[in-house]
């Protein structure tokens, strides 16, 4: 397809409630000036379009027996194609895959994310199909305190251990896949989860992540 008339660089942020911008303080959503995709849009400015595609509860590859439509693998193709042409897709998932009911360790969660990444790479959504660009983000890990907070029953036990192991498992799985980049949000100073639930990013974390993504997208080092 010919996209010569669409000159803005297009970035789609594919994720779960942290990409949606869930706000645990009000059981709602952070504002347009607080969610990392929209903060990123402001940082990048004219010449860029950032698309939000965050769904609370979304997994990388698992069908959720409690809530339908959560499996990212089943929906990523039409989502990406509907927003073509894309120059970069960011994928930040893994938190919901750590739920006890899915029975997976960090290795299996990481393998699921790799499968999703490969599907994104081969989806016909790219401005230049010879040069897709997928940036995989490991979200801030669930803190141990979540087990005493509001989502403990929905998540189940052991989630923080599983989340803590994702980055170390996932990075080597991705290193030999062309056109894939990696960012562990746990390495960003100031990024972390709210003390209210131990699993959703704070407003400050959204700002920190947006700044790191701006650097990655404009050619600076992560």
N, C-alpha and C. Protein backbone atom coordinates (compact mmCIF):
# COMPACT_ATOMS: atom_id res chain seq x y z
N UNK A 1 0.84 -1.20 0.00
CA UNK A 1 0.00 0.00 0.00
C UNK A 1 0.88 1.25 0.00
N UNK A 2 0.33 2.33 -0.49
CA UNK A 2 1.08 3.57 -0.60
C UNK A 2 0.65 4.53 0.51
N UNK A 3 1.63 4.92 1.34
CA UNK A 3 1.33 5.80 2.48
C UNK A 3 2.07 7.13 2.36
N UNK A 4 2.38 7.56 1.14
CA UNK A 4 3.17 8.77 0.98
C UNK A 4 2.50 10.01 1.58
N UNK A 5 1.17 9.99 1.65
CA UNK A 5 0.46 11.15 2.19
C UNK A 5 0.47 11.19 3.71
N UNK A 6 0.88 10.10 4.37
CA UNK A 6 0.88 10.02 5.83
C UNK A 6 2.33 10.15 6.31
N UNK A 7 2.71 11.37 6.62
CA UNK A 7 4.12 11.65 6.88
C UNK A 7 4.51 11.57 8.35
N UNK A 8 3.54 11.61 9.25
CA UNK A 8 3.89 11.49 10.67
C UNK A 8 4.35 10.07 10.97
N UNK A 9 5.39 9.96 11.81
CA UNK A 9 5.82 8.65 12.27
C UNK A 9 4.81 8.14 13.29
N UNK A 10 4.39 6.89 13.12
CA UNK A 10 3.29 6.36 13.91
C UNK A 10 3.80 5.26 14.86
N UNK A 11 3.44 5.43 16.13
CA UNK A 11 3.83 4.50 17.19
C UNK A 11 2.57 3.97 17.85
N UNK A 12 2.47 2.66 17.98
CA UNK A 12 1.33 2.06 18.69
C UNK A 12 1.83 1.40 19.96
N UNK A 13 1.20 1.74 21.08
CA UNK A 13 1.56 1.19 22.39
C UNK A 13 0.54 0.11 22.76
N UNK A 14 0.97 -1.15 22.73
CA UNK A 14 0.11 -2.30 22.96
C UNK A 14 0.42 -2.84 24.36
N UNK A 15 -0.62 -2.88 25.21
CA UNK A 15 -0.36 -3.32 26.57
C UNK A 15 -1.63 -3.60 27.35
N UNK A 16 -1.48 -3.57 28.67
CA UNK A 16 -2.58 -3.91 29.57
C UNK A 16 -3.01 -2.67 30.34
N UNK A 17 -3.36 -2.82 31.61
CA UNK A 17 -3.89 -1.70 32.38
C UNK A 17 -2.86 -0.60 32.62
N UNK A 18 -1.57 -0.95 32.59
CA UNK A 18 -0.56 0.09 32.74
C UNK A 18 -0.43 0.95 31.49
N UNK A 19 -0.72 0.40 30.32
CA UNK A 19 -0.78 1.20 29.10
C UNK A 19 -2.09 1.97 29.03
N UNK A 20 -3.15 1.35 29.51
CA UNK A 20 -4.45 2.03 29.63
C UNK A 20 -4.38 3.21 30.58
N UNK A 21 -3.51 3.10 31.58
CA UNK A 21 -3.36 4.17 32.56
C UNK A 21 -4.25 4.02 33.77
N UNK A 22 -4.42 2.78 34.24
CA UNK A 22 -5.29 2.56 35.40
C UNK A 22 -4.75 3.34 36.61
N UNK A 23 -5.67 4.02 37.29
CA UNK A 23 -5.34 4.83 38.47
C UNK A 23 -5.93 4.16 39.70
N UNK A 24 -5.10 3.53 40.54
CA UNK A 24 -5.64 2.81 41.70
C UNK A 24 -6.23 3.72 42.76
N UNK A 25 -5.88 5.00 42.75
CA UNK A 25 -6.40 5.90 43.77
C UNK A 25 -7.88 6.16 43.60
N UNK A 26 -8.35 6.15 42.36
CA UNK A 26 -9.77 6.43 42.12
C UNK A 26 -10.48 5.28 41.41
N UNK A 27 -9.78 4.15 41.26
CA UNK A 27 -10.33 3.03 40.49
C UNK A 27 -10.83 3.55 39.15
N UNK A 28 -9.97 4.31 38.50
CA UNK A 28 -10.31 4.93 37.23
C UNK A 28 -9.11 4.96 36.31
N UNK A 29 -8.94 6.07 35.64
CA UNK A 29 -7.90 6.19 34.62
C UNK A 29 -7.18 7.52 34.78
N UNK A 30 -5.85 7.46 34.67
CA UNK A 30 -5.07 8.69 34.69
C UNK A 30 -5.48 9.59 33.53
N UNK A 31 -5.24 10.88 33.68
CA UNK A 31 -5.63 11.85 32.66
C UNK A 31 -4.74 11.81 31.43
N UNK A 32 -5.14 12.56 30.42
CA UNK A 32 -4.41 12.59 29.15
C UNK A 32 -2.99 13.11 29.32
N UNK A 33 -2.77 13.93 30.34
CA UNK A 33 -1.43 14.47 30.56
C UNK A 33 -0.61 13.61 31.52
N UNK A 34 -1.13 12.42 31.87
CA UNK A 34 -0.46 11.55 32.83
C UNK A 34 -0.11 10.17 32.27
N UNK A 35 -0.89 9.66 31.33
CA UNK A 35 -0.64 8.32 30.78
C UNK A 35 0.59 8.34 29.87
N UNK A 36 1.44 7.32 29.98
CA UNK A 36 2.71 7.39 29.25
C UNK A 36 2.56 7.51 27.73
N UNK A 37 1.59 6.88 27.07
CA UNK A 37 1.51 7.12 25.62
C UNK A 37 1.23 8.57 25.27
N UNK A 38 0.37 9.22 26.06
CA UNK A 38 0.03 10.61 25.78
C UNK A 38 1.15 11.56 26.21
N UNK A 39 1.85 11.22 27.30
CA UNK A 39 3.03 12.01 27.67
C UNK A 39 4.08 11.89 26.57
N UNK A 40 4.25 10.67 26.04
CA UNK A 40 5.18 10.45 24.94
C UNK A 40 4.79 11.29 23.72
N UNK A 41 3.50 11.33 23.41
CA UNK A 41 3.05 12.16 22.29
C UNK A 41 3.48 13.61 22.48
N UNK A 42 3.31 14.14 23.68
CA UNK A 42 3.69 15.52 23.95
C UNK A 42 5.20 15.72 23.82
N UNK A 43 5.97 14.73 24.28
CA UNK A 43 7.43 14.84 24.21
C UNK A 43 7.92 14.79 22.77
N UNK A 44 7.29 13.95 21.96
CA UNK A 44 7.72 13.81 20.57
C UNK A 44 7.28 14.98 19.71
N UNK A 45 6.10 15.50 19.99
CA UNK A 45 5.62 16.68 19.29
C UNK A 45 5.14 16.42 17.88
N UNK A 46 5.07 17.50 17.10
CA UNK A 46 4.59 17.40 15.73
C UNK A 46 5.48 16.46 14.93
N UNK A 47 4.87 15.77 14.02
CA UNK A 47 5.60 14.81 13.21
C UNK A 47 5.47 13.38 13.71
N UNK A 48 4.78 13.23 14.85
CA UNK A 48 4.58 11.90 15.42
C UNK A 48 3.11 11.72 15.79
N UNK A 49 2.63 10.47 15.70
CA UNK A 49 1.32 10.10 16.21
C UNK A 49 1.48 8.87 17.08
N UNK A 50 1.01 8.96 18.32
CA UNK A 50 1.10 7.84 19.26
C UNK A 50 -0.31 7.31 19.50
N UNK A 51 -0.48 6.02 19.30
CA UNK A 51 -1.78 5.37 19.44
C UNK A 51 -1.78 4.56 20.74
N UNK A 52 -2.78 4.81 21.58
CA UNK A 52 -2.96 4.03 22.81
C UNK A 52 -3.74 2.75 22.52
N UNK A 53 -3.21 1.62 22.95
CA UNK A 53 -3.94 0.36 22.82
C UNK A 53 -3.70 -0.47 24.08
N UNK A 54 -4.23 0.06 25.19
CA UNK A 54 -4.10 -0.62 26.47
C UNK A 54 -5.44 -1.17 26.93
N UNK A 55 -5.44 -2.42 27.39
CA UNK A 55 -6.66 -3.07 27.87
C UNK A 55 -6.40 -3.70 29.24
N UNK A 56 -7.08 -3.24 30.29
CA UNK A 56 -6.90 -3.87 31.60
C UNK A 56 -7.20 -5.36 31.55
N UNK A 57 -6.27 -6.15 32.09
CA UNK A 57 -6.43 -7.60 32.12
C UNK A 57 -5.81 -8.32 30.94
N UNK A 58 -5.30 -7.59 29.96
CA UNK A 58 -4.76 -8.24 28.76
C UNK A 58 -3.54 -9.10 29.10
N UNK A 59 -3.50 -10.30 28.52
CA UNK A 59 -2.35 -11.18 28.62
C UNK A 59 -1.63 -11.21 27.27
N UNK A 60 -0.45 -11.81 27.26
CA UNK A 60 0.26 -11.99 26.00
C UNK A 60 -0.39 -13.08 25.16
N UNK A 61 -0.67 -14.23 25.78
CA UNK A 61 -1.12 -15.38 25.00
C UNK A 61 -2.25 -16.19 25.63
N UNK A 62 -2.69 -15.85 26.84
CA UNK A 62 -3.63 -16.71 27.54
C UNK A 62 -5.07 -16.25 27.40
N UNK A 63 -5.97 -17.21 27.14
CA UNK A 63 -7.40 -16.95 27.25
C UNK A 63 -7.78 -16.98 28.73
N UNK A 64 -8.41 -15.92 29.20
CA UNK A 64 -8.77 -15.82 30.60
C UNK A 64 -10.14 -16.46 30.82
N UNK A 65 -10.24 -17.44 31.72
CA UNK A 65 -11.52 -18.08 31.95
C UNK A 65 -12.53 -17.19 32.66
N UNK A 66 -12.08 -16.08 33.21
CA UNK A 66 -12.97 -15.18 33.94
C UNK A 66 -13.53 -14.08 33.04
N UNK A 67 -12.67 -13.54 32.18
CA UNK A 67 -13.07 -12.42 31.33
C UNK A 67 -12.65 -12.69 29.89
N UNK A 68 -13.57 -12.62 28.95
CA UNK A 68 -13.24 -12.90 27.56
C UNK A 68 -12.49 -11.74 26.91
N UNK A 69 -11.78 -12.05 25.83
CA UNK A 69 -11.14 -11.01 25.02
C UNK A 69 -9.82 -10.50 25.54
N UNK A 70 -9.21 -11.21 26.49
CA UNK A 70 -7.99 -10.72 27.10
C UNK A 70 -6.71 -11.18 26.40
N UNK A 71 -6.81 -12.14 25.50
CA UNK A 71 -5.65 -12.75 24.88
C UNK A 71 -5.07 -11.85 23.80
N UNK A 72 -3.89 -11.27 24.07
CA UNK A 72 -3.27 -10.37 23.11
C UNK A 72 -2.95 -11.01 21.79
N UNK A 73 -2.55 -12.28 21.83
CA UNK A 73 -2.19 -12.99 20.60
C UNK A 73 -3.36 -13.08 19.63
N UNK A 74 -4.58 -13.18 20.15
CA UNK A 74 -5.76 -13.33 19.30
C UNK A 74 -6.18 -12.02 18.63
N UNK A 75 -5.76 -10.89 19.19
CA UNK A 75 -6.27 -9.61 18.67
C UNK A 75 -5.21 -8.73 18.05
N UNK A 76 -3.93 -9.07 18.23
CA UNK A 76 -2.91 -8.10 17.82
C UNK A 76 -2.90 -7.86 16.32
N UNK A 77 -3.20 -8.87 15.51
CA UNK A 77 -3.17 -8.67 14.06
C UNK A 77 -4.19 -7.63 13.61
N UNK A 78 -5.49 -7.76 13.94
CA UNK A 78 -6.43 -6.72 13.50
C UNK A 78 -6.17 -5.36 14.15
N UNK A 79 -5.68 -5.36 15.39
CA UNK A 79 -5.38 -4.08 16.03
C UNK A 79 -4.28 -3.35 15.26
N UNK A 80 -3.21 -4.04 14.94
CA UNK A 80 -2.10 -3.39 14.24
C UNK A 80 -2.51 -2.99 12.83
N UNK A 81 -3.23 -3.86 12.14
CA UNK A 81 -3.62 -3.55 10.77
C UNK A 81 -4.56 -2.35 10.70
N UNK A 82 -5.39 -2.19 11.72
CA UNK A 82 -6.35 -1.08 11.71
C UNK A 82 -5.68 0.27 11.92
N UNK A 83 -4.44 0.26 12.39
CA UNK A 83 -3.72 1.52 12.63
C UNK A 83 -2.54 1.70 11.68
N UNK A 84 -2.48 0.90 10.64
CA UNK A 84 -1.42 1.06 9.64
C UNK A 84 -1.51 2.43 8.96
N UNK A 85 -0.35 2.98 8.56
CA UNK A 85 0.98 2.40 8.65
C UNK A 85 1.63 2.67 10.00
N UNK A 86 2.35 1.68 10.51
CA UNK A 86 3.05 1.84 11.77
C UNK A 86 4.55 1.81 11.54
N UNK A 87 5.25 2.62 12.33
CA UNK A 87 6.71 2.64 12.29
C UNK A 87 7.32 1.90 13.47
N UNK A 88 6.64 1.95 14.60
CA UNK A 88 7.10 1.26 15.80
C UNK A 88 5.89 0.74 16.57
N UNK A 89 6.02 -0.45 17.13
CA UNK A 89 5.03 -0.99 18.06
C UNK A 89 5.74 -1.29 19.36
N UNK A 90 5.24 -0.73 20.46
CA UNK A 90 5.75 -1.11 21.78
C UNK A 90 4.81 -2.15 22.37
N UNK A 91 5.38 -3.14 23.01
CA UNK A 91 4.59 -4.20 23.67
C UNK A 91 5.03 -4.26 25.12
N UNK A 92 4.10 -3.99 26.02
CA UNK A 92 4.40 -4.07 27.46
C UNK A 92 3.34 -4.95 28.13
N UNK A 93 3.66 -6.22 28.26
CA UNK A 93 2.76 -7.21 28.85
C UNK A 93 3.55 -8.14 29.76
N UNK A 94 2.83 -8.99 30.47
CA UNK A 94 3.46 -9.95 31.36
C UNK A 94 2.87 -9.95 32.75
N UNK A 95 2.38 -8.80 33.19
CA UNK A 95 1.83 -8.71 34.54
C UNK A 95 0.64 -9.65 34.72
N UNK A 96 -0.30 -9.63 33.79
CA UNK A 96 -1.49 -10.48 33.93
C UNK A 96 -1.19 -11.95 33.66
N UNK A 97 -0.16 -12.22 32.85
CA UNK A 97 0.24 -13.60 32.61
C UNK A 97 0.77 -14.27 33.88
N UNK A 98 1.14 -13.44 34.86
CA UNK A 98 1.67 -13.98 36.12
C UNK A 98 0.57 -14.43 37.08
N UNK A 99 -0.70 -14.23 36.71
CA UNK A 99 -1.80 -14.63 37.59
C UNK A 99 -1.71 -16.12 37.92
N UNK A 100 -2.06 -16.44 39.13
CA UNK A 100 -1.95 -17.81 39.60
C UNK A 100 -2.75 -18.78 38.74
N UNK A 101 -3.89 -18.34 38.21
CA UNK A 101 -4.75 -19.26 37.48
C UNK A 101 -4.16 -19.74 36.15
N UNK A 102 -3.12 -19.05 35.65
CA UNK A 102 -2.49 -19.48 34.41
C UNK A 102 -1.36 -20.50 34.66
N UNK A 103 -0.92 -20.62 35.88
CA UNK A 103 0.04 -21.66 36.24
C UNK A 103 1.36 -21.61 35.52
N UNK A 104 1.87 -20.41 35.21
CA UNK A 104 3.12 -20.28 34.46
C UNK A 104 4.23 -19.68 35.31
N UNK A 105 5.46 -20.09 35.01
CA UNK A 105 6.61 -19.44 35.63
C UNK A 105 7.11 -18.34 34.69
N UNK A 106 8.14 -17.61 35.11
CA UNK A 106 8.62 -16.48 34.32
C UNK A 106 9.18 -16.91 32.97
N UNK A 107 9.73 -18.10 32.89
CA UNK A 107 10.24 -18.60 31.61
C UNK A 107 9.11 -18.77 30.61
N UNK A 108 8.02 -19.39 31.03
CA UNK A 108 6.90 -19.61 30.12
C UNK A 108 6.19 -18.31 29.77
N UNK A 109 6.09 -17.41 30.72
CA UNK A 109 5.52 -16.09 30.42
C UNK A 109 6.34 -15.40 29.34
N UNK A 110 7.66 -15.48 29.47
CA UNK A 110 8.56 -14.85 28.49
C UNK A 110 8.42 -15.49 27.12
N UNK A 111 8.27 -16.79 27.08
CA UNK A 111 8.09 -17.47 25.79
C UNK A 111 6.79 -17.02 25.13
N UNK A 112 5.77 -16.78 25.92
CA UNK A 112 4.52 -16.27 25.36
C UNK A 112 4.70 -14.88 24.76
N UNK A 113 5.45 -14.03 25.44
CA UNK A 113 5.70 -12.68 24.92
C UNK A 113 6.48 -12.76 23.61
N UNK A 114 7.45 -13.66 23.53
CA UNK A 114 8.22 -13.83 22.29
C UNK A 114 7.29 -14.25 21.15
N UNK A 115 6.38 -15.14 21.42
CA UNK A 115 5.42 -15.56 20.39
C UNK A 115 4.60 -14.38 19.89
N UNK A 116 4.17 -13.54 20.80
CA UNK A 116 3.39 -12.35 20.42
C UNK A 116 4.24 -11.40 19.59
N UNK A 117 5.47 -11.21 19.99
CA UNK A 117 6.38 -10.33 19.26
C UNK A 117 6.57 -10.81 17.83
N UNK A 118 6.77 -12.10 17.65
CA UNK A 118 6.96 -12.64 16.30
C UNK A 118 5.72 -12.42 15.44
N UNK A 119 4.55 -12.53 16.04
CA UNK A 119 3.33 -12.29 15.28
C UNK A 119 3.24 -10.83 14.85
N UNK A 120 3.61 -9.93 15.74
CA UNK A 120 3.60 -8.50 15.40
C UNK A 120 4.56 -8.20 14.25
N UNK A 121 5.73 -8.81 14.29
CA UNK A 121 6.73 -8.57 13.25
C UNK A 121 6.23 -8.96 11.87
N UNK A 122 5.37 -9.98 11.80
CA UNK A 122 4.91 -10.50 10.52
C UNK A 122 3.50 -10.06 10.15
N UNK A 123 2.98 -9.08 10.90
CA UNK A 123 1.68 -8.51 10.56
C UNK A 123 1.86 -7.43 9.50
N UNK A 124 0.97 -7.38 8.53
CA UNK A 124 1.08 -6.41 7.44
C UNK A 124 0.53 -5.05 7.87
N UNK A 125 1.31 -4.39 8.70
CA UNK A 125 0.90 -3.09 9.25
C UNK A 125 1.99 -2.05 9.10
N UNK A 126 3.17 -2.47 8.61
CA UNK A 126 4.35 -1.61 8.68
C UNK A 126 4.45 -0.69 7.47
N UNK A 127 4.88 0.52 7.72
CA UNK A 127 5.12 1.46 6.62
C UNK A 127 6.16 0.88 5.65
N UNK A 128 7.21 0.32 6.21
CA UNK A 128 8.24 -0.36 5.42
C UNK A 128 8.32 -1.79 5.93
N UNK A 129 7.70 -2.72 5.19
CA UNK A 129 7.63 -4.09 5.68
C UNK A 129 9.00 -4.76 5.80
N UNK A 130 10.01 -4.18 5.19
CA UNK A 130 11.36 -4.72 5.33
C UNK A 130 11.99 -4.29 6.65
N UNK A 131 11.40 -3.30 7.29
CA UNK A 131 12.01 -2.78 8.52
C UNK A 131 10.95 -2.55 9.62
N UNK A 132 10.33 -3.60 10.10
CA UNK A 132 9.46 -3.43 11.27
C UNK A 132 10.29 -3.06 12.48
N UNK A 133 9.65 -2.52 13.49
CA UNK A 133 10.36 -2.11 14.70
C UNK A 133 9.47 -2.39 15.90
N UNK A 134 9.81 -3.41 16.68
CA UNK A 134 9.07 -3.76 17.88
C UNK A 134 9.95 -3.49 19.09
N UNK A 135 9.45 -2.70 20.00
CA UNK A 135 10.16 -2.39 21.25
C UNK A 135 9.43 -3.08 22.39
N UNK A 136 10.06 -4.07 22.98
CA UNK A 136 9.46 -4.85 24.07
C UNK A 136 9.85 -4.23 25.39
N UNK A 137 8.85 -3.94 26.21
CA UNK A 137 9.07 -3.32 27.52
C UNK A 137 8.65 -4.30 28.61
N UNK A 138 9.54 -4.56 29.54
CA UNK A 138 9.16 -5.31 30.75
C UNK A 138 8.61 -4.30 31.75
N UNK A 139 7.36 -4.46 32.16
CA UNK A 139 6.76 -3.46 33.07
C UNK A 139 7.38 -3.52 34.45
N UNK A 140 7.23 -2.45 35.23
CA UNK A 140 7.67 -2.52 36.63
C UNK A 140 7.05 -3.72 37.32
N UNK A 141 7.86 -4.47 38.03
CA UNK A 141 7.40 -5.72 38.62
C UNK A 141 6.42 -5.47 39.78
N UNK A 142 5.47 -6.36 39.89
CA UNK A 142 4.59 -6.36 41.05
C UNK A 142 5.43 -6.45 42.32
N UNK A 143 5.06 -5.66 43.32
CA UNK A 143 5.81 -5.69 44.58
C UNK A 143 5.23 -6.77 45.50
N UNK A 144 6.04 -7.29 46.43
CA UNK A 144 5.53 -8.32 47.35
C UNK A 144 4.32 -7.86 48.15
N UNK A 145 4.20 -6.56 48.37
CA UNK A 145 3.10 -6.03 49.17
C UNK A 145 1.73 -6.26 48.54
N UNK A 146 1.70 -6.52 47.20
CA UNK A 146 0.40 -6.69 46.54
C UNK A 146 -0.43 -7.78 47.22
N UNK A 147 0.27 -8.75 47.83
CA UNK A 147 -0.40 -9.91 48.42
C UNK A 147 -1.28 -9.53 49.61
N UNK A 148 -1.18 -8.27 50.06
CA UNK A 148 -2.02 -7.80 51.17
C UNK A 148 -2.91 -6.65 50.73
N UNK A 149 -2.98 -6.41 49.41
CA UNK A 149 -3.69 -5.24 48.90
C UNK A 149 -4.89 -5.65 48.05
N UNK A 150 -5.44 -4.70 47.31
CA UNK A 150 -6.80 -4.86 46.77
C UNK A 150 -6.94 -5.92 45.69
N UNK A 151 -5.86 -6.26 44.96
CA UNK A 151 -5.99 -7.23 43.87
C UNK A 151 -5.43 -8.60 44.23
N UNK A 152 -5.19 -8.86 45.51
CA UNK A 152 -4.56 -10.12 45.91
C UNK A 152 -5.40 -11.33 45.53
N UNK A 153 -6.71 -11.24 45.66
CA UNK A 153 -7.55 -12.39 45.33
C UNK A 153 -7.66 -12.58 43.81
N UNK A 154 -7.74 -11.49 43.07
CA UNK A 154 -7.84 -11.59 41.61
C UNK A 154 -6.56 -12.13 40.98
N UNK A 155 -5.43 -11.76 41.57
CA UNK A 155 -4.14 -12.18 41.00
C UNK A 155 -3.70 -13.55 41.51
N UNK A 156 -3.95 -13.85 42.77
CA UNK A 156 -3.47 -15.09 43.35
C UNK A 156 -2.07 -14.93 43.92
N UNK A 157 -1.52 -16.02 44.40
CA UNK A 157 -0.23 -15.98 45.08
C UNK A 157 0.94 -16.14 44.11
N UNK A 158 2.10 -15.65 44.54
CA UNK A 158 3.34 -15.87 43.80
C UNK A 158 3.57 -14.97 42.61
N UNK A 159 2.70 -13.98 42.39
CA UNK A 159 2.83 -13.15 41.19
C UNK A 159 4.11 -12.32 41.19
N UNK A 160 4.48 -11.82 42.35
CA UNK A 160 5.66 -10.95 42.36
C UNK A 160 6.94 -11.72 42.04
N UNK A 161 7.01 -13.00 42.45
CA UNK A 161 8.19 -13.79 42.09
C UNK A 161 8.23 -14.04 40.58
N UNK A 162 7.09 -14.34 40.00
CA UNK A 162 7.06 -14.60 38.57
C UNK A 162 7.41 -13.34 37.77
N UNK A 163 6.86 -12.21 38.16
CA UNK A 163 7.16 -10.95 37.46
C UNK A 163 8.64 -10.58 37.58
N UNK A 164 9.19 -10.80 38.75
CA UNK A 164 10.59 -10.42 38.99
C UNK A 164 11.55 -11.17 38.08
N UNK A 165 11.15 -12.33 37.59
CA UNK A 165 12.04 -13.13 36.76
C UNK A 165 11.89 -12.93 35.26
N UNK A 166 10.93 -12.11 34.84
CA UNK A 166 10.65 -12.00 33.41
C UNK A 166 11.81 -11.38 32.64
N UNK A 167 12.36 -10.28 33.13
CA UNK A 167 13.40 -9.58 32.37
C UNK A 167 14.59 -10.48 32.07
N UNK A 168 15.05 -11.20 33.08
CA UNK A 168 16.22 -12.06 32.90
C UNK A 168 15.95 -13.20 31.93
N UNK A 169 14.72 -13.68 31.88
CA UNK A 169 14.36 -14.74 30.95
C UNK A 169 14.13 -14.20 29.54
N UNK A 170 13.49 -13.05 29.44
CA UNK A 170 13.04 -12.54 28.15
C UNK A 170 14.15 -11.93 27.31
N UNK A 171 15.03 -11.19 27.91
CA UNK A 171 16.06 -10.49 27.13
C UNK A 171 16.89 -11.43 26.25
N UNK A 172 17.43 -12.54 26.78
CA UNK A 172 18.18 -13.44 25.88
C UNK A 172 17.34 -14.12 24.82
N UNK A 173 16.04 -14.29 25.08
CA UNK A 173 15.17 -14.87 24.06
C UNK A 173 14.98 -13.95 22.86
N UNK A 174 15.10 -12.65 23.09
CA UNK A 174 14.84 -11.66 22.05
C UNK A 174 16.10 -11.21 21.31
N UNK A 175 17.26 -11.46 21.86
CA UNK A 175 18.47 -10.80 21.37
C UNK A 175 18.83 -11.15 19.93
N UNK A 176 18.44 -12.32 19.46
CA UNK A 176 18.78 -12.73 18.10
C UNK A 176 17.63 -12.56 17.11
N UNK A 177 16.55 -11.91 17.54
CA UNK A 177 15.41 -11.67 16.65
C UNK A 177 15.58 -10.28 16.03
N UNK A 178 15.66 -10.24 14.71
CA UNK A 178 15.88 -8.97 14.03
C UNK A 178 14.72 -8.01 14.25
N UNK A 179 15.05 -6.72 14.31
CA UNK A 179 14.06 -5.63 14.38
C UNK A 179 13.30 -5.61 15.70
N UNK A 180 13.93 -6.13 16.76
CA UNK A 180 13.32 -6.12 18.09
C UNK A 180 14.28 -5.44 19.06
N UNK A 181 13.73 -4.54 19.84
CA UNK A 181 14.50 -3.86 20.90
C UNK A 181 13.90 -4.21 22.26
N UNK A 182 14.67 -3.95 23.31
CA UNK A 182 14.30 -4.40 24.66
C UNK A 182 14.54 -3.28 25.66
N UNK A 183 13.57 -3.09 26.54
CA UNK A 183 13.70 -2.12 27.63
C UNK A 183 13.08 -2.71 28.89
N UNK A 184 13.85 -2.79 29.94
CA UNK A 184 13.35 -3.24 31.24
C UNK A 184 13.03 -2.00 32.06
N UNK A 185 11.75 -1.72 32.25
CA UNK A 185 11.35 -0.53 33.00
C UNK A 185 11.83 -0.56 34.44
N UNK A 186 12.15 -1.74 34.95
CA UNK A 186 12.65 -1.85 36.32
C UNK A 186 14.03 -1.22 36.49
N UNK A 187 14.71 -0.96 35.38
CA UNK A 187 16.03 -0.32 35.45
C UNK A 187 15.95 1.20 35.39
N UNK A 188 14.77 1.75 35.21
CA UNK A 188 14.62 3.19 35.08
C UNK A 188 14.43 3.83 36.46
N UNK A 189 15.33 4.71 36.88
CA UNK A 189 15.16 5.37 38.18
C UNK A 189 13.84 6.11 38.26
N UNK A 190 13.08 5.84 39.29
CA UNK A 190 11.80 6.52 39.48
C UNK A 190 10.61 5.77 38.96
N UNK A 191 10.83 4.65 38.26
CA UNK A 191 9.71 3.85 37.77
C UNK A 191 9.36 2.79 38.80
N UNK A 192 8.11 2.63 39.09
CA UNK A 192 7.68 1.64 40.07
C UNK A 192 6.18 1.61 40.19
N UNK A 193 5.70 0.74 41.06
CA UNK A 193 4.27 0.53 41.23
C UNK A 193 3.72 1.28 42.43
N UNK A 194 2.45 1.59 42.38
CA UNK A 194 1.78 2.33 43.44
C UNK A 194 1.74 1.52 44.73
N UNK A 195 1.96 2.16 45.87
CA UNK A 195 1.82 1.47 47.14
C UNK A 195 0.37 1.11 47.46
N UNK A 196 -0.58 1.63 46.68
CA UNK A 196 -1.99 1.33 46.92
C UNK A 196 -2.36 -0.08 46.49
N UNK A 197 -1.69 -0.58 45.44
CA UNK A 197 -2.01 -1.94 44.99
C UNK A 197 -0.79 -2.77 44.63
N UNK A 198 0.38 -2.15 44.58
CA UNK A 198 1.61 -2.89 44.34
C UNK A 198 1.78 -3.40 42.93
N UNK A 199 0.97 -2.92 41.96
CA UNK A 199 1.07 -3.46 40.62
C UNK A 199 0.79 -2.46 39.49
N UNK A 200 0.24 -1.31 39.80
CA UNK A 200 0.00 -0.33 38.75
C UNK A 200 0.95 0.86 38.89
N UNK A 201 1.41 1.33 37.76
CA UNK A 201 2.41 2.39 37.73
C UNK A 201 1.87 3.70 38.31
N UNK A 202 2.75 4.40 39.00
CA UNK A 202 2.43 5.73 39.49
C UNK A 202 2.49 6.74 38.35
N UNK A 203 1.97 7.94 38.59
CA UNK A 203 2.07 9.01 37.60
C UNK A 203 3.52 9.29 37.27
N UNK A 204 4.37 9.31 38.29
CA UNK A 204 5.79 9.53 38.05
C UNK A 204 6.38 8.45 37.16
N UNK A 205 5.98 7.21 37.37
CA UNK A 205 6.46 6.11 36.53
C UNK A 205 6.07 6.30 35.07
N UNK A 206 4.85 6.76 34.83
CA UNK A 206 4.42 7.02 33.47
C UNK A 206 5.31 8.07 32.81
N UNK A 207 5.66 9.10 33.55
CA UNK A 207 6.52 10.16 33.00
C UNK A 207 7.93 9.63 32.71
N UNK A 208 8.44 8.83 33.62
CA UNK A 208 9.78 8.26 33.45
C UNK A 208 9.82 7.35 32.22
N UNK A 209 8.82 6.50 32.08
CA UNK A 209 8.78 5.59 30.95
C UNK A 209 8.64 6.36 29.64
N UNK A 210 7.79 7.37 29.62
CA UNK A 210 7.61 8.17 28.40
C UNK A 210 8.92 8.81 27.98
N UNK A 211 9.68 9.30 28.92
CA UNK A 211 10.97 9.93 28.59
C UNK A 211 11.94 8.91 28.02
N UNK A 212 11.97 7.71 28.59
CA UNK A 212 12.84 6.67 28.07
C UNK A 212 12.44 6.27 26.66
N UNK A 213 11.15 6.21 26.40
CA UNK A 213 10.67 5.86 25.07
C UNK A 213 10.99 6.97 24.07
N UNK A 214 10.88 8.21 24.49
CA UNK A 214 11.25 9.31 23.61
C UNK A 214 12.72 9.16 23.16
N UNK A 215 13.59 8.85 24.10
CA UNK A 215 15.00 8.68 23.76
C UNK A 215 15.20 7.52 22.79
N UNK A 216 14.49 6.43 23.03
CA UNK A 216 14.63 5.26 22.16
C UNK A 216 14.13 5.56 20.75
N UNK A 217 13.03 6.28 20.64
CA UNK A 217 12.42 6.52 19.34
C UNK A 217 13.14 7.58 18.54
N UNK A 218 13.84 8.48 19.20
CA UNK A 218 14.53 9.55 18.50
C UNK A 218 16.01 9.27 18.30
N UNK A 219 16.42 8.04 18.65
CA UNK A 219 17.78 7.64 18.32
C UNK A 219 18.77 7.73 19.45
N UNK A 220 18.35 8.23 20.62
CA UNK A 220 19.24 8.25 21.77
C UNK A 220 19.29 6.85 22.39
N UNK A 221 20.28 6.58 23.20
CA UNK A 221 20.37 5.27 23.86
C UNK A 221 19.33 5.17 24.94
N UNK A 222 18.90 3.93 25.20
CA UNK A 222 17.91 3.69 26.25
C UNK A 222 18.51 3.95 27.61
